[in-house]
C-alpha atoms as a PDB file:
ATOM      1  CA  MET A   1     -76.629 -19.074  71.870  1.00  0.00           C
ATOM      2  CA  LEU A   2     -74.063 -18.113  74.486  1.00  0.00           C
ATOM      3  CA  ALA A   3     -73.633 -14.732  72.840  1.00  0.00           C
ATOM      4  CA  THR A   4     -77.390 -14.200  73.149  1.00  0.00           C
ATOM      5  CA  VAL A   5     -77.363 -15.180  76.829  1.00  0.00           C
ATOM      6  CA  TRP A   6     -74.433 -12.854  77.507  1.00  0.00           C
ATOM      7  CA  CYS A   7     -76.084  -9.958  75.654  1.00  0.00           C
ATOM      8  CA  ILE A   8     -79.315 -10.423  77.597  1.00  0.00           C
ATOM      9  CA  SER A   9     -77.409 -10.683  80.885  1.00  0.00           C
ATOM     10  CA  LEU A  10     -75.350  -7.584  80.096  1.00  0.00           C
ATOM     11  CA  PHE A  11     -78.497  -5.634  79.194  1.00  0.00           C
ATOM     12  CA  PHE A  12     -80.173  -6.524  82.497  1.00  0.00           C
ATOM     13  CA  CYS A  13     -77.032  -5.854  84.532  1.00  0.00           C
ATOM     14  CA  LEU A  14     -76.665  -2.415  83.006  1.00  0.00           C
ATOM     15  CA  ALA A  15     -80.382  -1.618  83.140  1.00  0.00           C
ATOM     16  CA  PHE A  16     -81.211  -2.955  86.593  1.00  0.00           C
ATOM     17  CA  GLY A  17     -77.856  -3.296  88.368  1.00  0.00           C
ATOM     18  CA  SER A  18     -78.227  -7.029  89.012  1.00  0.00           C
ATOM     19  CA  ARG A  19     -78.043 -10.309  87.172  1.00  0.00           C
ATOM     20  CA  PRO A  20     -81.350 -11.724  85.892  1.00  0.00           C
ATOM     21  CA  ASN A  21     -82.519 -15.237  86.601  1.00  0.00           C
ATOM     22  CA  ILE A  22     -82.060 -17.381  83.501  1.00  0.00           C
ATOM     23  CA  VAL A  23     -84.346 -20.347  82.877  1.00  0.00           C
ATOM     24  CA  VAL A  24     -83.863 -22.407  79.703  1.00  0.00           C
ATOM     25  CA  PHE A  25     -86.414 -24.956  78.525  1.00  0.00           C
ATOM     26  CA  ILE A  26     -85.878 -27.479  75.778  1.00  0.00           C
ATOM     27  CA  ALA A  27     -88.850 -29.564  74.697  1.00  0.00           C
ATOM     28  CA  ASP A  28     -88.613 -32.216  72.016  1.00  0.00           C
ATOM     29  CA  ASP A  29     -91.231 -31.993  69.265  1.00  0.00           C
ATOM     30  CA  LEU A  30     -92.744 -28.748  70.550  1.00  0.00           C
ATOM     31  CA  GLY A  31     -94.195 -26.812  67.642  1.00  0.00           C
ATOM     32  CA  PHE A  32     -94.744 -23.061  67.295  1.00  0.00           C
ATOM     33  CA  ASN A  33     -98.498 -23.384  67.946  1.00  0.00           C
ATOM     34  CA  ASP A  34     -98.070 -25.843  70.839  1.00  0.00           C
ATOM     35  CA  VAL A  35     -97.747 -23.026  73.391  1.00  0.00           C
ATOM     36  CA  SER A  36    -100.481 -20.766  74.739  1.00  0.00           C
ATOM     37  CA  TRP A  37     -98.822 -17.489  73.721  1.00  0.00           C
ATOM     38  CA  HIS A  38     -99.227 -18.535  70.058  1.00  0.00           C
ATOM     39  CA  ASN A  39    -102.410 -20.588  70.287  1.00  0.00           C
ATOM     40  CA  SER A  40    -105.364 -19.663  72.496  1.00  0.00           C
ATOM     41  CA  GLN A  41    -106.633 -23.266  72.437  1.00  0.00           C
ATOM     42  CA  VAL A  42    -103.588 -24.418  74.400  1.00  0.00           C
ATOM     43  CA  LEU A  43    -103.719 -23.821  78.152  1.00  0.00           C
ATOM     44  CA  MET A  44    -100.340 -23.201  79.798  1.00  0.00           C
ATOM     45  CA  PRO A  45    -100.965 -20.433  82.333  1.00  0.00           C
ATOM     46  CA  ASN A  46     -97.746 -20.881  84.340  1.00  0.00           C
ATOM     47  CA  LEU A  47     -95.411 -21.109  81.353  1.00  0.00           C
ATOM     48  CA  GLU A  48     -97.239 -18.275  79.635  1.00  0.00           C
ATOM     49  CA  LYS A  49     -96.793 -16.034  82.683  1.00  0.00           C
ATOM     50  CA  LEU A  50     -93.097 -16.925  82.809  1.00  0.00           C
ATOM     51  CA  ALA A  51     -92.699 -16.265  79.077  1.00  0.00           C
ATOM     52  CA  LYS A  52     -94.511 -12.919  79.207  1.00  0.00           C
ATOM     53  CA  SER A  53     -92.515 -11.692  82.197  1.00  0.00           C
ATOM     54  CA  GLY A  54     -89.174 -12.562  80.619  1.00  0.00           C
ATOM     55  CA  ILE A  55     -87.544 -12.804  77.232  1.00  0.00           C
ATOM     56  CA  THR A  56     -88.676 -15.473  74.800  1.00  0.00           C
ATOM     57  CA  LEU A  57     -86.201 -16.357  72.055  1.00  0.00           C
ATOM     58  CA  GLU A  58     -88.059 -17.792  69.080  1.00  0.00           C
ATOM     59  CA  GLN A  59     -85.683 -17.573  66.137  1.00  0.00           C
ATOM     60  CA  HIS A  60     -83.627 -20.735  66.216  1.00  0.00           C
ATOM     61  CA  TYR A  61     -82.619 -23.905  64.459  1.00  0.00           C
ATOM     62  CA  SER A  62     -83.264 -27.339  65.857  1.00  0.00           C
ATOM     63  CA  GLN A  63     -81.754 -30.734  65.268  1.00  0.00           C
ATOM     64  CA  PRO A  64     -83.592 -33.933  64.297  1.00  0.00           C
ATOM     65  CA  SER A  65     -82.939 -35.812  67.546  1.00  0.00           C
ATOM     66  CA  CYS A  66     -82.221 -35.253  71.225  1.00  0.00           C
ATOM     67  CA  THR A  67     -78.432 -35.691  71.406  1.00  0.00           C
ATOM     68  CA  PRO A  68     -77.457 -33.061  68.825  1.00  0.00           C
ATOM     69  CA  SER A  69     -80.133 -30.673  70.153  1.00  0.00           C
ATOM     70  CA  ARG A  70     -78.925 -30.880  73.734  1.00  0.00           C
ATOM     71  CA  GLY A  71     -75.254 -30.752  72.774  1.00  0.00           C
ATOM     72  CA  ALA A  72     -75.833 -27.611  70.706  1.00  0.00           C
ATOM     73  CA  LEU A  73     -77.833 -25.942  73.473  1.00  0.00           C
ATOM     74  CA  LEU A  74     -75.293 -26.760  76.180  1.00  0.00           C
ATOM     75  CA  THR A  75     -72.189 -25.727  74.239  1.00  0.00           C
ATOM     76  CA  GLY A  76     -73.452 -23.145  71.744  1.00  0.00           C
ATOM     77  CA  ARG A  77     -71.740 -25.120  68.971  1.00  0.00           C
ATOM     78  CA  TYR A  78     -73.088 -26.956  65.969  1.00  0.00           C
ATOM     79  CA  PRO A  79     -73.431 -30.685  66.754  1.00  0.00           C
ATOM     80  CA  VAL A  80     -71.142 -31.648  63.879  1.00  0.00           C
ATOM     81  CA  ASN A  81     -68.347 -29.640  65.566  1.00  0.00           C
ATOM     82  CA  ILE A  82     -68.693 -31.512  68.875  1.00  0.00           C
ATOM     83  CA  ASP A  83     -69.010 -35.035  67.418  1.00  0.00           C
ATOM     84  CA  LEU A  84     -72.678 -35.376  68.361  1.00  0.00           C
ATOM     85  CA  HIS A  85     -74.265 -35.479  64.927  1.00  0.00           C
ATOM     86  CA  PRO A  86     -76.018 -37.544  63.777  1.00  0.00           C
ATOM     87  CA  GLY A  87     -77.259 -39.991  66.329  1.00  0.00           C
ATOM     88  CA  VAL A  88     -78.319 -40.520  69.895  1.00  0.00           C
ATOM     89  CA  ILE A  89     -76.250 -41.253  72.992  1.00  0.00           C
ATOM     90  CA  PHE A  90     -77.898 -44.255  74.608  1.00  0.00           C
ATOM     91  CA  PRO A  91     -77.481 -45.323  78.258  1.00  0.00           C
ATOM     92  CA  GLN A  92     -74.277 -47.214  79.076  1.00  0.00           C
ATOM     93  CA  VAL A  93     -72.513 -46.045  75.906  1.00  0.00           C
ATOM     94  CA  PRO A  94     -68.889 -45.146  76.721  1.00  0.00           C
ATOM     95  CA  PHE A  95     -68.968 -41.609  75.291  1.00  0.00           C
ATOM     96  CA  GLY A  96     -70.882 -38.396  75.718  1.00  0.00           C
ATOM     97  CA  LEU A  97     -70.568 -34.649  75.468  1.00  0.00           C
ATOM     98  CA  PRO A  98     -66.875 -33.887  74.884  1.00  0.00           C
ATOM     99  CA  THR A  99     -65.419 -32.271  77.995  1.00  0.00           C
ATOM    100  CA  GLN A 100     -63.077 -29.884  76.155  1.00  0.00           C
ATOM    101  CA  PHE A 101     -66.007 -27.622  75.228  1.00  0.00           C
ATOM    102  CA  PRO A 102     -67.273 -25.320  77.992  1.00  0.00           C
ATOM    103  CA  THR A 103     -71.010 -25.496  78.516  1.00  0.00           C
ATOM    104  CA  MET A 104     -73.478 -22.704  79.096  1.00  0.00           C
ATOM    105  CA  ALA A 105     -73.463 -23.724  82.788  1.00  0.00           C
ATOM    106  CA  ASP A 106     -69.654 -23.413  82.918  1.00  0.00           C
ATOM    107  CA  GLN A 107     -69.814 -19.923  81.452  1.00  0.00           C
ATOM    108  CA  LEU A 108     -72.640 -18.850  83.758  1.00  0.00           C
ATOM    109  CA  ARG A 109     -70.795 -20.177  86.840  1.00  0.00           C
ATOM    110  CA  ASN A 110     -67.746 -18.164  85.732  1.00  0.00           C
ATOM    111  CA  ALA A 111     -70.019 -15.112  85.721  1.00  0.00           C
ATOM    112  CA  GLY A 112     -71.123 -15.761  89.317  1.00  0.00           C
ATOM    113  CA  TYR A 113     -74.333 -17.688  88.706  1.00  0.00           C
ATOM    114  CA  ALA A 114     -75.422 -20.818  90.548  1.00  0.00           C
ATOM    115  CA  THR A 115     -76.544 -23.437  88.026  1.00  0.00           C
ATOM    116  CA  HIS A 116     -78.818 -26.455  88.147  1.00  0.00           C
ATOM    117  CA  ALA A 117     -79.986 -28.870  85.469  1.00  0.00           C
ATOM    118  CA  VAL A 118     -83.096 -31.021  85.623  1.00  0.00           C
ATOM    119  CA  GLY A 119     -84.203 -33.483  83.014  1.00  0.00           C
ATOM    120  CA  LYS A 120     -82.849 -36.251  80.911  1.00  0.00           C
ATOM    121  CA  TRP A 121     -80.396 -36.719  78.095  1.00  0.00           C
ATOM    122  CA  HIS A 122     -82.240 -39.499  76.294  1.00  0.00           C
END
């Protein structure tokens, strides 16, 4: 995942002389035909415009629940390698994403990006 982000960023930097904006969405239980660019019966004009004006990565593997999915996305590592598989991290549980693994946000900040996360863990 991080290698893909870096390759895309490098391509844009070389092609356009500036860093691109990077927006990452993760949606639980979103199927291939649940988006308007694959299914004309679904109406998502704003997301479709964003997808068509950027790069949409559609070859991926997903995990069966939220914790391993988010951990894999944030770190670029398989959940089993970051102690987040299987299972769910519930509120007020005394553990979480291991801090020894840099996240995508850490790597992007090191490259000069400002980062922001919105959403939930569980």
